[in-house]
Protein backbone atom coordinates (compact mmCIF):
# COMPACT_ATOMS: atom_id res chain seq x y z
CA MET A 1 0.83 -22.84 -15.73
CA ARG A 2 4.06 -21.68 -14.84
CA ARG A 3 4.73 -17.95 -13.93
CA THR A 4 8.29 -16.81 -14.99
CA PHE A 5 9.71 -13.46 -14.07
CA THR A 6 12.92 -11.71 -13.13
CA LEU A 7 12.49 -11.12 -9.75
CA LEU A 8 16.21 -9.73 -9.42
CA GLY A 9 16.13 -7.49 -12.17
CA PHE A 10 12.78 -6.07 -11.03
CA LEU A 11 14.22 -5.58 -7.26
CA ALA A 12 17.31 -4.16 -8.37
CA ALA A 13 15.42 -1.56 -10.87
CA THR A 14 13.24 -0.52 -7.91
CA ALA A 15 16.10 -0.21 -5.64
CA ALA A 16 18.07 1.78 -7.86
CA CYS A 17 15.33 4.22 -8.87
CA GLY A 18 13.80 4.14 -5.40
CA ASP A 19 10.38 5.37 -6.69
CA GLY A 20 8.77 1.89 -7.35
CA SER A 21 9.09 2.11 -11.17
CA THR A 22 10.20 -0.83 -13.33
CA ASN A 23 13.12 0.93 -14.93
CA PRO A 24 15.80 -1.29 -16.53
CA PRO A 25 18.36 -2.50 -13.67
CA ALA A 26 21.61 -0.54 -12.94
CA GLU A 27 24.48 -1.61 -15.22
CA GLY A 28 26.13 -4.73 -13.69
CA VAL A 29 23.22 -6.04 -11.81
CA ASP A 30 22.52 -9.56 -11.99
CA THR A 31 19.10 -10.39 -13.59
CA ALA A 32 18.68 -14.24 -12.94
CA LEU A 33 15.46 -15.82 -14.14
CA VAL A 34 13.52 -17.38 -11.42
CA VAL A 35 10.71 -19.85 -12.17
CA LEU A 36 8.16 -20.77 -9.54
CA PRO A 37 6.76 -24.04 -9.78
CA PRO A 38 2.86 -24.01 -9.10
CA SER A 39 3.08 -25.84 -5.69
CA LEU A 40 5.53 -23.23 -4.46
CA GLU A 41 3.21 -20.42 -5.47
CA LEU A 42 0.39 -21.97 -3.57
CA ALA A 43 2.62 -22.44 -0.47
CA ILE A 44 3.63 -18.92 -0.64
CA GLY A 45 0.09 -17.66 -1.03
CA GLN A 46 -1.03 -19.91 1.81
CA THR A 47 1.74 -18.78 3.93
CA ARG A 48 0.99 -14.96 3.42
CA ALA A 49 -2.61 -15.84 4.14
CA ILE A 50 -1.71 -17.49 7.40
CA GLY A 51 -0.11 -14.38 8.51
CA LEU A 52 -3.11 -11.90 7.37
CA VAL A 53 -5.40 -14.30 9.32
CA ILE A 54 -3.36 -14.00 12.44
CA LEU A 55 -3.23 -10.33 11.96
CA ALA A 56 -6.87 -9.93 11.37
CA TYR A 57 -7.54 -11.96 14.58
CA VAL A 58 -5.19 -9.73 16.70
CA LYS A 59 -6.76 -6.71 15.30
CA ASN A 60 -10.52 -7.73 15.62
CA TYR A 61 -10.88 -10.53 17.82
CA ALA A 62 -8.14 -10.99 20.26
CA GLY A 63 -9.38 -10.45 24.06
CA LYS A 64 -13.04 -10.53 22.57
CA THR A 65 -13.66 -14.35 22.23
CA LYS A 66 -13.44 -16.94 24.70
CA ASN A 67 -10.33 -18.33 23.13
CA VAL A 68 -8.04 -18.28 20.13
CA ALA A 69 -9.63 -21.06 18.33
CA GLU A 70 -13.13 -19.33 18.35
CA GLY A 71 -11.43 -16.06 17.16
CA LEU A 72 -9.78 -17.83 14.42
CA THR A 73 -12.89 -19.72 13.43
CA LEU A 74 -14.55 -15.92 13.21
CA VAL A 75 -11.86 -14.88 10.84
CA LEU A 76 -12.16 -17.79 8.76
CA LYS A 77 -15.92 -17.68 8.59
CA GLU A 78 -15.75 -14.03 7.43
CA VAL A 79 -13.05 -14.84 5.00
CA GLU A 80 -15.18 -17.82 3.48
CA GLU A 81 -18.26 -15.28 3.36
CA ARG A 82 -16.27 -12.15 2.01
CA GLY A 83 -13.20 -13.79 0.10
CA LEU A 84 -9.58 -13.64 0.86
CA ASP A 85 -9.27 -9.85 -0.19
CA ILE A 86 -10.60 -8.86 3.13
CA LEU A 87 -7.31 -9.85 4.51
CA SER A 88 -5.30 -7.19 2.70
CA PRO A 89 -5.60 -3.68 1.89
CA TRP A 90 -4.85 -4.46 -2.01
CA LYS A 91 -5.99 -7.26 -4.11
CA THR A 92 -2.96 -9.78 -4.39
CA GLY A 93 -4.97 -12.41 -6.10
CA THR A 94 -2.20 -15.11 -4.91
CA LEU A 95 -3.67 -15.85 -1.51
CA ALA A 96 -4.86 -19.39 -0.76
CA LEU A 97 -7.14 -20.34 2.13
CA PRO A 98 -5.52 -22.05 5.16
CA ARG A 99 -7.45 -24.37 7.28
CA LEU A 100 -8.19 -23.63 10.88
CA HIS A 101 -5.45 -26.29 12.17
CA GLU A 102 -2.90 -24.58 9.82
CA VAL A 103 -3.29 -21.25 11.10
CA ALA A 104 -3.24 -22.70 15.03
CA ALA A 105 -0.06 -24.68 14.20
CA ALA A 106 1.64 -21.32 13.05
CA ILE A 107 0.63 -19.74 16.18
CA ASN A 108 2.00 -22.62 18.52
CA ARG A 109 5.24 -22.41 16.56
CA ILE A 110 5.33 -18.85 17.34
CA ARG A 111 4.57 -19.43 21.20
CA ARG A 112 7.10 -22.11 21.19
CA GLN A 113 10.02 -19.85 19.99
CA GLY A 114 9.06 -16.92 22.08
């Protein structure tokens, strides 16, 4: 199933209002239609989950485990037991569970760029 929404219209409306409401966009604001294919939605959800897994590792396990792999394994085990919603303070419903090697690859890319 494909989701269709007016991303620019929503962003323009929330920026114009300043209160986060979804009032109509300001006059002259482009409200182009954005259609995300399911594969892109999955990629975005998995990318967000990777970032949240890294954040959970840093907050809960960094410096407390033998190495990064052990800490990430503990985070992913906790996610498998309790669900992806534990990674975020709110329920998004769009996160996709990453594998250990995908999270480790993201950390390695950060290390190489730093």
